[in-house]
Amino acid sequence: MDHGHAPLFGLELPGAIHRRGHSDRQVFVSRLSADECRLSGENLDLHAGDRVDLSFSTIGPFTADVHSTEQGTACVRLVPPLHPAIVQHFAAFVHLAE
């Protein structure tokens, strides 16, 4: 399976987002792929078109553009995409849990 582009559904990572002019927010990162992921958390206050700096686990920040939001979640595109080795690193944790 290509873990660079296939989302990792069994994984949820603690993270944080930062937007200029706003306080940092703690989030959970899920459905991680090289291109995108889902953010969830309280009071995200994100809207389609917002740009955020995203950190998760112990890495980042990565630039991400919000492309959709729904009830406490946001789907973001990573700009540029993550290197496949980063996604493969986290994929190893999914396999250990299976």
PDB file of N, CA and C in Angstrom:
ATOM      1  N   MET A   1       0.836  -1.186   0.000  1.00  0.00           N
ATOM      2  CA  MET A   1       0.000   0.000   0.000  1.00  0.00           C
ATOM      3  C   MET A   1       0.877   1.244   0.000  1.00  0.00           C
ATOM      4  N   ASP A   2       0.520   2.218  -0.762  1.00  0.00           N
ATOM      5  CA  ASP A   2       1.263   3.476  -0.836  1.00  0.00           C
ATOM      6  C   ASP A   2       0.816   4.377   0.301  1.00  0.00           C
ATOM      7  N   HIS A   3       1.610   4.443   1.379  1.00  0.00           N
ATOM      8  CA  HIS A   3       1.226   5.249   2.526  1.00  0.00           C
ATOM      9  C   HIS A   3       1.528   6.724   2.330  1.00  0.00           C
ATOM     10  N   GLY A   4       2.129   7.081   1.214  1.00  0.00           N
ATOM     11  CA  GLY A   4       2.361   8.496   0.970  1.00  0.00           C
ATOM     12  C   GLY A   4       1.086   9.225   0.602  1.00  0.00           C
ATOM     13  N   HIS A   5       0.194   8.550  -0.124  1.00  0.00           N
ATOM     14  CA  HIS A   5      -1.017   9.222  -0.589  1.00  0.00           C
ATOM     15  C   HIS A   5      -2.285   8.641   0.001  1.00  0.00           C
ATOM     16  N   ALA A   6      -2.245   7.424   0.547  1.00  0.00           N
ATOM     17  CA  ALA A   6      -3.422   6.839   1.174  1.00  0.00           C
ATOM     18  C   ALA A   6      -3.531   7.373   2.601  1.00  0.00           C
ATOM     19  N   PRO A   7      -4.722   7.853   2.996  1.00  0.00           N
ATOM     20  CA  PRO A   7      -4.852   8.383   4.352  1.00  0.00           C
ATOM     21  C   PRO A   7      -4.725   7.291   5.404  1.00  0.00           C
ATOM     22  N   LEU A   8      -4.135   7.656   6.518  1.00  0.00           N
ATOM     23  CA  LEU A   8      -3.965   6.735   7.639  1.00  0.00           C
ATOM     24  C   LEU A   8      -5.162   6.914   8.574  1.00  0.00           C
ATOM     25  N   PHE A   9      -6.183   6.071   8.411  1.00  0.00           N
ATOM     26  CA  PHE A   9      -7.423   6.243   9.160  1.00  0.00           C
ATOM     27  C   PHE A   9      -7.304   5.848  10.626  1.00  0.00           C
ATOM     28  N   GLY A  10      -6.398   4.943  10.978  1.00  0.00           N
ATOM     29  CA  GLY A  10      -6.302   4.473  12.350  1.00  0.00           C
ATOM     30  C   GLY A  10      -5.388   5.292  13.225  1.00  0.00           C
ATOM     31  N   LEU A  11      -5.109   6.513  12.861  1.00  0.00           N
ATOM     32  CA  LEU A  11      -4.114   7.315  13.564  1.00  0.00           C
ATOM     33  C   LEU A  11      -4.699   8.668  13.938  1.00  0.00           C
ATOM     34  N   GLU A  12      -4.463   9.090  15.181  1.00  0.00           N
ATOM     35  CA  GLU A  12      -4.845  10.431  15.614  1.00  0.00           C
ATOM     36  C   GLU A  12      -3.676  10.991  16.411  1.00  0.00           C
ATOM     37  N   LEU A  13      -3.144  12.102  15.948  1.00  0.00           N
ATOM     38  CA  LEU A  13      -1.956  12.707  16.550  1.00  0.00           C
ATOM     39  C   LEU A  13      -2.311  14.029  17.220  1.00  0.00           C
ATOM     40  N   PRO A  14      -1.714  14.320  18.376  1.00  0.00           N
ATOM     41  CA  PRO A  14      -1.902  15.644  18.955  1.00  0.00           C
ATOM     42  C   PRO A  14      -1.128  16.666  18.130  1.00  0.00           C
ATOM     43  N   GLY A  15      -1.704  17.841  18.003  1.00  0.00           N
ATOM     44  CA  GLY A  15      -1.039  18.875  17.229  1.00  0.00           C
ATOM     45  C   GLY A  15      -1.477  20.264  17.651  1.00  0.00           C
ATOM     46  N   ALA A  16      -1.018  21.241  16.897  1.00  0.00           N
ATOM     47  CA  ALA A  16      -1.368  22.632  17.159  1.00  0.00           C
ATOM     48  C   ALA A  16      -1.387  23.390  15.842  1.00  0.00           C
ATOM     49  N   ILE A  17      -2.264  24.380  15.770  1.00  0.00           N
ATOM     50  CA  ILE A  17      -2.284  25.267  14.603  1.00  0.00           C
ATOM     51  C   ILE A  17      -2.024  26.691  15.065  1.00  0.00           C
ATOM     52  N   HIS A  18      -1.411  27.444  14.178  1.00  0.00           N
ATOM     53  CA  HIS A  18      -1.145  28.857  14.429  1.00  0.00           C
ATOM     54  C   HIS A  18      -1.596  29.643  13.209  1.00  0.00           C
ATOM     55  N   ARG A  19      -2.338  30.709  13.468  1.00  0.00           N
ATOM     56  CA  ARG A  19      -2.722  31.663  12.421  1.00  0.00           C
ATOM     57  C   ARG A  19      -2.320  33.051  12.887  1.00  0.00           C
ATOM     58  N   ARG A  20      -1.787  33.812  11.972  1.00  0.00           N
ATOM     59  CA  ARG A  20      -1.396  35.184  12.297  1.00  0.00           C
ATOM     60  C   ARG A  20      -2.613  35.942  12.842  1.00  0.00           C
ATOM     61  N   GLY A  21      -2.420  36.590  13.982  1.00  0.00           N
ATOM     62  CA  GLY A  21      -3.497  37.375  14.576  1.00  0.00           C
ATOM     63  C   GLY A  21      -4.448  36.568  15.446  1.00  0.00           C
ATOM     64  N   HIS A  22      -4.214  35.283  15.617  1.00  0.00           N
ATOM     65  CA  HIS A  22      -5.057  34.424  16.439  1.00  0.00           C
ATOM     66  C   HIS A  22      -4.193  33.666  17.437  1.00  0.00           C
ATOM     67  N   SER A  23      -4.805  33.238  18.523  1.00  0.00           N
ATOM     68  CA  SER A  23      -4.049  32.427  19.476  1.00  0.00           C
ATOM     69  C   SER A  23      -3.905  31.007  18.931  1.00  0.00           C
ATOM     70  N   ASP A  24      -2.854  30.333  19.371  1.00  0.00           N
ATOM     71  CA  ASP A  24      -2.635  28.949  18.946  1.00  0.00           C
ATOM     72  C   ASP A  24      -3.774  28.074  19.451  1.00  0.00           C
ATOM     73  N   ARG A  25      -4.096  27.042  18.682  1.00  0.00           N
ATOM     74  CA  ARG A  25      -5.153  26.101  19.054  1.00  0.00           C
ATOM     75  C   ARG A  25      -4.587  24.698  19.082  1.00  0.00           C
ATOM     76  N   GLN A  26      -4.956  23.943  20.107  1.00  0.00           N
ATOM     77  CA  GLN A  26      -4.608  22.530  20.171  1.00  0.00           C
ATOM     78  C   GLN A  26      -5.593  21.760  19.303  1.00  0.00           C
ATOM     79  N   VAL A  27      -5.111  20.829  18.529  1.00  0.00           N
ATOM     80  CA  VAL A  27      -5.953  20.051  17.623  1.00  0.00           C
ATOM     81  C   VAL A  27      -5.537  18.584  17.681  1.00  0.00           C
ATOM     82  N   PHE A  28      -6.363  17.754  17.079  1.00  0.00           N
ATOM     83  CA  PHE A  28      -6.001  16.372  16.786  1.00  0.00           C
ATOM     84  C   PHE A  28      -5.940  16.239  15.278  1.00  0.00           C
ATOM     85  N   VAL A  29      -4.897  15.589  14.792  1.00  0.00           N
ATOM     86  CA  VAL A  29      -4.685  15.385  13.358  1.00  0.00           C
ATOM     87  C   VAL A  29      -5.018  13.936  13.048  1.00  0.00           C
ATOM     88  N   SER A  30      -5.897  13.729  12.058  1.00  0.00           N
ATOM     89  CA  SER A  30      -6.261  12.373  11.649  1.00  0.00           C
ATOM     90  C   SER A  30      -6.338  12.325  10.123  1.00  0.00           C
ATOM     91  N   ARG A  31      -6.539  11.115   9.609  1.00  0.00           N
ATOM     92  CA  ARG A  31      -6.606  10.895   8.154  1.00  0.00           C
ATOM     93  C   ARG A  31      -5.400  11.513   7.440  1.00  0.00           C
ATOM     94  N   LEU A  32      -4.252  11.351   8.030  1.00  0.00           N
ATOM     95  CA  LEU A  32      -3.028  11.945   7.495  1.00  0.00           C
ATOM     96  C   LEU A  32      -2.602  11.260   6.200  1.00  0.00           C
ATOM     97  N   SER A  33      -2.320  12.054   5.184  1.00  0.00           N
ATOM     98  CA  SER A  33      -1.689  11.577   3.952  1.00  0.00           C
ATOM     99  C   SER A  33      -0.640  12.614   3.584  1.00  0.00           C
ATOM    100  N   ALA A  34       0.083  12.367   2.524  1.00  0.00           N
ATOM    101  CA  ALA A  34       1.096  13.337   2.098  1.00  0.00           C
ATOM    102  C   ALA A  34       0.462  14.664   1.708  1.00  0.00           C
ATOM    103  N   ASP A  35      -0.759  14.610   1.199  1.00  0.00           N
ATOM    104  CA  ASP A  35      -1.407  15.803   0.653  1.00  0.00           C
ATOM    105  C   ASP A  35      -2.337  16.529   1.605  1.00  0.00           C
ATOM    106  N   GLU A  36      -2.960  15.789   2.532  1.00  0.00           N
ATOM    107  CA  GLU A  36      -3.969  16.426   3.363  1.00  0.00           C
ATOM    108  C   GLU A  36      -4.184  15.670   4.660  1.00  0.00           C
ATOM    109  N   CYS A  37      -4.978  16.280   5.542  1.00  0.00           N
ATOM    110  CA  CYS A  37      -5.354  15.641   6.792  1.00  0.00           C
ATOM    111  C   CYS A  37      -6.599  16.329   7.326  1.00  0.00           C
ATOM    112  N   ARG A  38      -7.141  15.742   8.379  1.00  0.00           N
ATOM    113  CA  ARG A  38      -8.304  16.328   9.044  1.00  0.00           C
ATOM    114  C   ARG A  38      -7.856  16.840  10.407  1.00  0.00           C
ATOM    115  N   LEU A  39      -8.367  18.006  10.779  1.00  0.00           N
ATOM    116  CA  LEU A  39      -8.110  18.591  12.092  1.00  0.00           C
ATOM    117  C   LEU A  39      -9.409  18.579  12.880  1.00  0.00           C
ATOM    118  N   SER A  40      -9.320  18.282  14.155  1.00  0.00           N
ATOM    119  CA  SER A  40     -10.490  18.373  15.021  1.00  0.00           C
ATOM    120  C   SER A  40     -10.062  18.992  16.337  1.00  0.00           C
ATOM    121  N   GLY A  41     -11.008  19.639  16.983  1.00  0.00           N
ATOM    122  CA  GLY A  41     -10.715  20.282  18.255  1.00  0.00           C
ATOM    123  C   GLY A  41     -11.794  21.269  18.610  1.00  0.00           C
ATOM    124  N   GLU A  42     -11.695  21.791  19.817  1.00  0.00           N
ATOM    125  CA  GLU A  42     -12.675  22.756  20.287  1.00  0.00           C
ATOM    126  C   GLU A  42     -12.354  24.149  19.752  1.00  0.00           C
ATOM    127  N   ASN A  43     -13.393  24.864  19.380  1.00  0.00           N
ATOM    128  CA  ASN A  43     -13.263  26.262  18.958  1.00  0.00           C
ATOM    129  C   ASN A  43     -12.224  26.471  17.864  1.00  0.00           C
ATOM    130  N   LEU A  44     -12.244  25.612  16.840  1.00  0.00           N
ATOM    131  CA  LEU A  44     -11.261  25.757  15.764  1.00  0.00           C
ATOM    132  C   LEU A  44     -11.385  27.098  15.054  1.00  0.00           C
ATOM    133  N   ASP A  45     -12.614  27.540  14.818  1.00  0.00           N
ATOM    134  CA  ASP A  45     -12.863  28.814  14.137  1.00  0.00           C
ATOM    135  C   ASP A  45     -12.067  28.915  12.832  1.00  0.00           C
ATOM    136  N   LEU A  46     -12.129  27.871  12.018  1.00  0.00           N
ATOM    137  CA  LEU A  46     -11.466  27.853  10.711  1.00  0.00           C
ATOM    138  C   LEU A  46     -12.511  27.918   9.612  1.00  0.00           C
ATOM    139  N   HIS A  47     -12.124  28.490   8.488  1.00  0.00           N
ATOM    140  CA  HIS A  47     -13.020  28.642   7.346  1.00  0.00           C
ATOM    141  C   HIS A  47     -12.269  28.281   6.071  1.00  0.00           C
ATOM    142  N   ALA A  48     -12.998  27.795   5.090  1.00  0.00           N
ATOM    143  CA  ALA A  48     -12.389  27.472   3.798  1.00  0.00           C
ATOM    144  C   ALA A  48     -11.607  28.684   3.303  1.00  0.00           C
ATOM    145  N   GLY A  49     -10.383  28.433   2.880  1.00  0.00           N
ATOM    146  CA  GLY A  49      -9.517  29.503   2.395  1.00  0.00           C
ATOM    147  C   GLY A  49      -8.507  29.993   3.424  1.00  0.00           C
ATOM    148  N   ASP A  50      -8.712  29.660   4.707  1.00  0.00           N
ATOM    149  CA  ASP A  50      -7.737  30.048   5.733  1.00  0.00           C
ATOM    150  C   ASP A  50      -6.423  29.301   5.511  1.00  0.00           C
ATOM    151  N   ARG A  51      -5.336  29.941   5.847  1.00  0.00           N
ATOM    152  CA  ARG A  51      -4.007  29.305   5.808  1.00  0.00           C
ATOM    153  C   ARG A  51      -3.495  29.236   7.245  1.00  0.00           C
ATOM    154  N   VAL A  52      -3.014  28.054   7.635  1.00  0.00           N
ATOM    155  CA  VAL A  52      -2.518  27.847   8.992  1.00  0.00           C
ATOM    156  C   VAL A  52      -1.140  27.213   8.945  1.00  0.00           C
ATOM    157  N   ASP A  53      -0.422  27.348  10.040  1.00  0.00           N
ATOM    158  CA  ASP A  53       0.804  26.594  10.258  1.00  0.00           C
ATOM    159  C   ASP A  53       0.423  25.458  11.199  1.00  0.00           C
ATOM    160  N   LEU A  54       0.721  24.237  10.796  1.00  0.00           N
ATOM    161  CA  LEU A  54       0.327  23.042  11.522  1.00  0.00           C
ATOM    162  C   LEU A  54       1.561  22.297  12.006  1.00  0.00           C
ATOM    163  N   SER A  55       1.545  21.942  13.282  1.00  0.00           N
ATOM    164  CA  SER A  55       2.574  21.072  13.860  1.00  0.00           C
ATOM    165  C   SER A  55       1.860  19.872  14.458  1.00  0.00           C
ATOM    166  N   PHE A  56       2.466  18.703  14.362  1.00  0.00           N
ATOM    167  CA  PHE A  56       1.890  17.528  15.009  1.00  0.00           C
ATOM    168  C   PHE A  56       3.001  16.600  15.439  1.00  0.00           C
ATOM    169  N   SER A  57       2.663  15.811  16.459  1.00  0.00           N
ATOM    170  CA  SER A  57       3.660  14.973  17.101  1.00  0.00           C
ATOM    171  C   SER A  57       4.802  15.902  17.507  1.00  0.00           C
ATOM    172  N   THR A  58       5.986  15.687  17.017  1.00  0.00           N
ATOM    173  CA  THR A  58       7.113  16.576  17.360  1.00  0.00           C
ATOM    174  C   THR A  58       7.677  17.277  16.136  1.00  0.00           C
ATOM    175  N   ILE A  59       6.895  17.332  15.050  1.00  0.00           N
ATOM    176  CA  ILE A  59       7.413  17.924  13.811  1.00  0.00           C
ATOM    177  C   ILE A  59       6.533  19.074  13.337  1.00  0.00           C
ATOM    178  N   GLY A  60       7.122  19.907  12.513  1.00  0.00           N
ATOM    179  CA  GLY A  60       6.409  21.033  11.941  1.00  0.00           C
ATOM    180  C   GLY A  60       7.139  22.309  12.297  1.00  0.00           C
ATOM    181  N   PRO A  61       6.644  23.424  11.909  1.00  0.00           N
ATOM    182  CA  PRO A  61       5.332  23.608  11.306  1.00  0.00           C
ATOM    183  C   PRO A  61       5.318  23.338   9.799  1.00  0.00           C
ATOM    184  N   PHE A  62       4.126  22.978   9.335  1.00  0.00           N
ATOM    185  CA  PHE A  62       3.846  22.783   7.913  1.00  0.00           C
ATOM    186  C   PHE A  62       2.741  23.752   7.530  1.00  0.00           C
ATOM    187  N   THR A  63       2.820  24.316   6.343  1.00  0.00           N
ATOM    188  CA  THR A  63       1.765  25.199   5.861  1.00  0.00           C
ATOM    189  C   THR A  63       0.614  24.361   5.347  1.00  0.00           C
ATOM    190  N   ALA A  64      -0.615  24.767   5.714  1.00  0.00           N
ATOM    191  CA  ALA A  64      -1.804  24.037   5.290  1.00  0.00           C
ATOM    192  C   ALA A  64      -2.910  25.022   4.951  1.00  0.00           C
ATOM    193  N   ASP A  65      -3.638  24.733   3.877  1.00  0.00           N
ATOM    194  CA  ASP A  65      -4.789  25.537   3.458  1.00  0.00           C
ATOM    195  C   ASP A  65      -6.069  24.790   3.787  1.00  0.00           C
ATOM    196  N   VAL A  66      -6.985  25.464   4.485  1.00  0.00           N
ATOM    197  CA  VAL A  66      -8.267  24.853   4.826  1.00  0.00           C
ATOM    198  C   VAL A  66      -9.117  24.797   3.567  1.00  0.00           C
ATOM    199  N   HIS A  67      -9.627  23.596   3.227  1.00  0.00           N
ATOM    200  CA  HIS A  67     -10.498  23.534   2.053  1.00  0.00           C
ATOM    201  C   HIS A  67     -11.934  23.209   2.406  1.00  0.00           C
ATOM    202  N   SER A  68     -12.212  22.690   3.611  1.00  0.00           N
ATOM    203  CA  SER A  68     -13.601  22.515   4.038  1.00  0.00           C
ATOM    204  C   SER A  68     -13.652  22.385   5.551  1.00  0.00           C
ATOM    205  N   THR A  69     -14.813  22.742   6.123  1.00  0.00           N
ATOM    206  CA  THR A  69     -15.019  22.634   7.567  1.00  0.00           C
ATOM    207  C   THR A  69     -16.404  22.053   7.822  1.00  0.00           C
ATOM    208  N   GLU A  70     -16.540  21.388   8.975  1.00  0.00           N
ATOM    209  CA  GLU A  70     -17.842  20.843   9.361  1.00  0.00           C
ATOM    210  C   GLU A  70     -17.823  20.517  10.848  1.00  0.00           C
ATOM    211  N   GLN A  71     -18.667  21.147  11.632  1.00  0.00           N
ATOM    212  CA  GLN A  71     -18.883  20.859  13.043  1.00  0.00           C
ATOM    213  C   GLN A  71     -17.629  20.433  13.814  1.00  0.00           C
ATOM    214  N   GLY A  72     -16.721  21.343  14.028  1.00  0.00           N
ATOM    215  CA  GLY A  72     -15.548  21.067  14.839  1.00  0.00           C
ATOM    216  C   GLY A  72     -14.416  20.356  14.129  1.00  0.00           C
ATOM    217  N   THR A  73     -14.532  20.192  12.807  1.00  0.00           N
ATOM    218  CA  THR A  73     -13.443  19.595  12.043  1.00  0.00           C
ATOM    219  C   THR A  73     -13.112  20.473  10.852  1.00  0.00           C
ATOM    220  N   ALA A  74     -11.904  20.303  10.350  1.00  0.00           N
ATOM    221  CA  ALA A  74     -11.479  21.010   9.138  1.00  0.00           C
ATOM    222  C   ALA A  74     -10.592  20.071   8.333  1.00  0.00           C
ATOM    223  N   CYS A  75     -10.799  20.044   7.034  1.00  0.00           N
ATOM    224  CA  CYS A  75      -9.918  19.304   6.137  1.00  0.00           C
ATOM    225  C   CYS A  75      -8.956  20.308   5.532  1.00  0.00           C
ATOM    226  N   VAL A  76      -7.658  19.978   5.596  1.00  0.00           N
ATOM    227  CA  VAL A  76      -6.641  20.897   5.107  1.00  0.00           C
ATOM    228  C   VAL A  76      -5.754  20.208   4.084  1.00  0.00           C
ATOM    229  N   ARG A  77      -5.257  20.988   3.131  1.00  0.00           N
ATOM    230  CA  ARG A  77      -4.272  20.528   2.151  1.00  0.00           C
ATOM    231  C   ARG A  77      -2.907  21.039   2.592  1.00  0.00           C
ATOM    232  N   LEU A  78      -1.940  20.157   2.597  1.00  0.00           N
ATOM    233  CA  LEU A  78      -0.585  20.517   3.001  1.00  0.00           C
ATOM    234  C   LEU A  78       0.161  21.084   1.807  1.00  0.00           C
ATOM    235  N   VAL A  79       0.787  22.266   2.011  1.00  0.00           N
ATOM    236  CA  VAL A  79       1.446  22.990   0.929  1.00  0.00           C
ATOM    237  C   VAL A  79       2.884  23.289   1.330  1.00  0.00           C
ATOM    238  N   PRO A  80       3.858  22.644   0.746  1.00  0.00           N
ATOM    239  CA  PRO A  80       3.790  21.543  -0.207  1.00  0.00           C
ATOM    240  C   PRO A  80       3.433  20.245   0.529  1.00  0.00           C
ATOM    241  N   PRO A  81       3.149  19.169  -0.217  1.00  0.00           N
ATOM    242  CA  PRO A  81       2.844  17.885   0.428  1.00  0.00           C
ATOM    243  C   PRO A  81       4.008  17.404   1.301  1.00  0.00           C
ATOM    244  N   LEU A  82       3.663  16.579   2.290  1.00  0.00           N
ATOM    245  CA  LEU A  82       4.696  15.985   3.146  1.00  0.00           C
ATOM    246  C   LEU A  82       5.555  15.020   2.348  1.00  0.00           C
ATOM    247  N   HIS A  83       6.796  14.907   2.740  1.00  0.00           N
ATOM    248  CA  HIS A  83       7.668  13.901   2.142  1.00  0.00           C
ATOM    249  C   HIS A  83       7.104  12.530   2.507  1.00  0.00           C
ATOM    250  N   PRO A  84       7.060  11.584   1.563  1.00  0.00           N
ATOM    251  CA  PRO A  84       6.495  10.263   1.847  1.00  0.00           C
ATOM    252  C   PRO A  84       7.131   9.568   3.060  1.00  0.00           C
ATOM    253  N   ALA A  85       8.389   9.838   3.353  1.00  0.00           N
ATOM    254  CA  ALA A  85       9.039   9.208   4.507  1.00  0.00           C
ATOM    255  C   ALA A  85       8.375   9.625   5.823  1.00  0.00           C
ATOM    256  N   ILE A  86       7.852  10.842   5.885  1.00  0.00           N
ATOM    257  CA  ILE A  86       7.159  11.291   7.098  1.00  0.00           C
ATOM    258  C   ILE A  86       5.888  10.483   7.284  1.00  0.00           C
ATOM    259  N   VAL A  87       5.111  10.332   6.226  1.00  0.00           N
ATOM    260  CA  VAL A  87       3.866   9.562   6.311  1.00  0.00           C
ATOM    261  C   VAL A  87       4.179   8.097   6.619  1.00  0.00           C
ATOM    262  N   GLN A  88       5.196   7.542   6.009  1.00  0.00           N
ATOM    263  CA  GLN A  88       5.572   6.153   6.262  1.00  0.00           C
ATOM    264  C   GLN A  88       5.981   5.958   7.717  1.00  0.00           C
ATOM    265  N   HIS A  89       6.632   6.948   8.305  1.00  0.00           N
ATOM    266  CA  HIS A  89       7.002   6.876   9.723  1.00  0.00           C
ATOM    267  C   HIS A  89       5.753   6.679  10.581  1.00  0.00           C
ATOM    268  N   PHE A  90       4.717   7.490  10.337  1.00  0.00           N
ATOM    269  CA  PHE A  90       3.492   7.370  11.133  1.00  0.00           C
ATOM    270  C   PHE A  90       2.704   6.118  10.752  1.00  0.00           C
ATOM    271  N   ALA A  91       2.817   5.657   9.513  1.00  0.00           N
ATOM    272  CA  ALA A  91       2.141   4.419   9.099  1.00  0.00           C
ATOM    273  C   ALA A  91       2.650   3.233   9.908  1.00  0.00           C
ATOM    274  N   ALA A  92       3.900   3.262  10.308  1.00  0.00           N
ATOM    275  CA  ALA A  92       4.460   2.168  11.111  1.00  0.00           C
ATOM    276  C   ALA A  92       3.706   2.027  12.427  1.00  0.00           C
ATOM    277  N   PHE A  93       3.248   3.134  13.006  1.00  0.00           N
ATOM    278  CA  PHE A  93       2.486   3.069  14.252  1.00  0.00           C
ATOM    279  C   PHE A  93       1.110   2.464  14.045  1.00  0.00           C
ATOM    280  N   VAL A  94       0.504   2.719  12.894  1.00  0.00           N
ATOM    281  CA  VAL A  94      -0.793   2.120  12.585  1.00  0.00           C
ATOM    282  C   VAL A  94      -0.641   0.608  12.494  1.00  0.00           C
ATOM    283  N   HIS A  95       0.402   0.150  11.809  1.00  0.00           N
ATOM    284  CA  HIS A  95       0.622  -1.287  11.665  1.00  0.00           C
ATOM    285  C   HIS A  95       0.915  -1.958  12.998  1.00  0.00           C
ATOM    286  N   LEU A  96       1.600  -1.272  13.883  1.00  0.00           N
ATOM    287  CA  LEU A  96       1.884  -1.845  15.205  1.00  0.00           C
ATOM    288  C   LEU A  96       0.600  -2.033  16.017  1.00  0.00           C
ATOM    289  N   ALA A  97      -0.364  -1.157  15.805  1.00  0.00           N
ATOM    290  CA  ALA A  97      -1.604  -1.233  16.548  1.00  0.00           C
ATOM    291  C   ALA A  97      -2.600  -2.237  15.980  1.00  0.00           C
ATOM    292  N   GLU A  98      -2.384  -2.666  14.754  1.00  0.00           N
ATOM    293  CA  GLU A  98      -3.327  -3.584  14.097  1.00  0.00           C
ATOM    294  C   GLU A  98      -3.195  -4.996  14.612  1.00  0.00           C
TER     295      GLU A  98
END
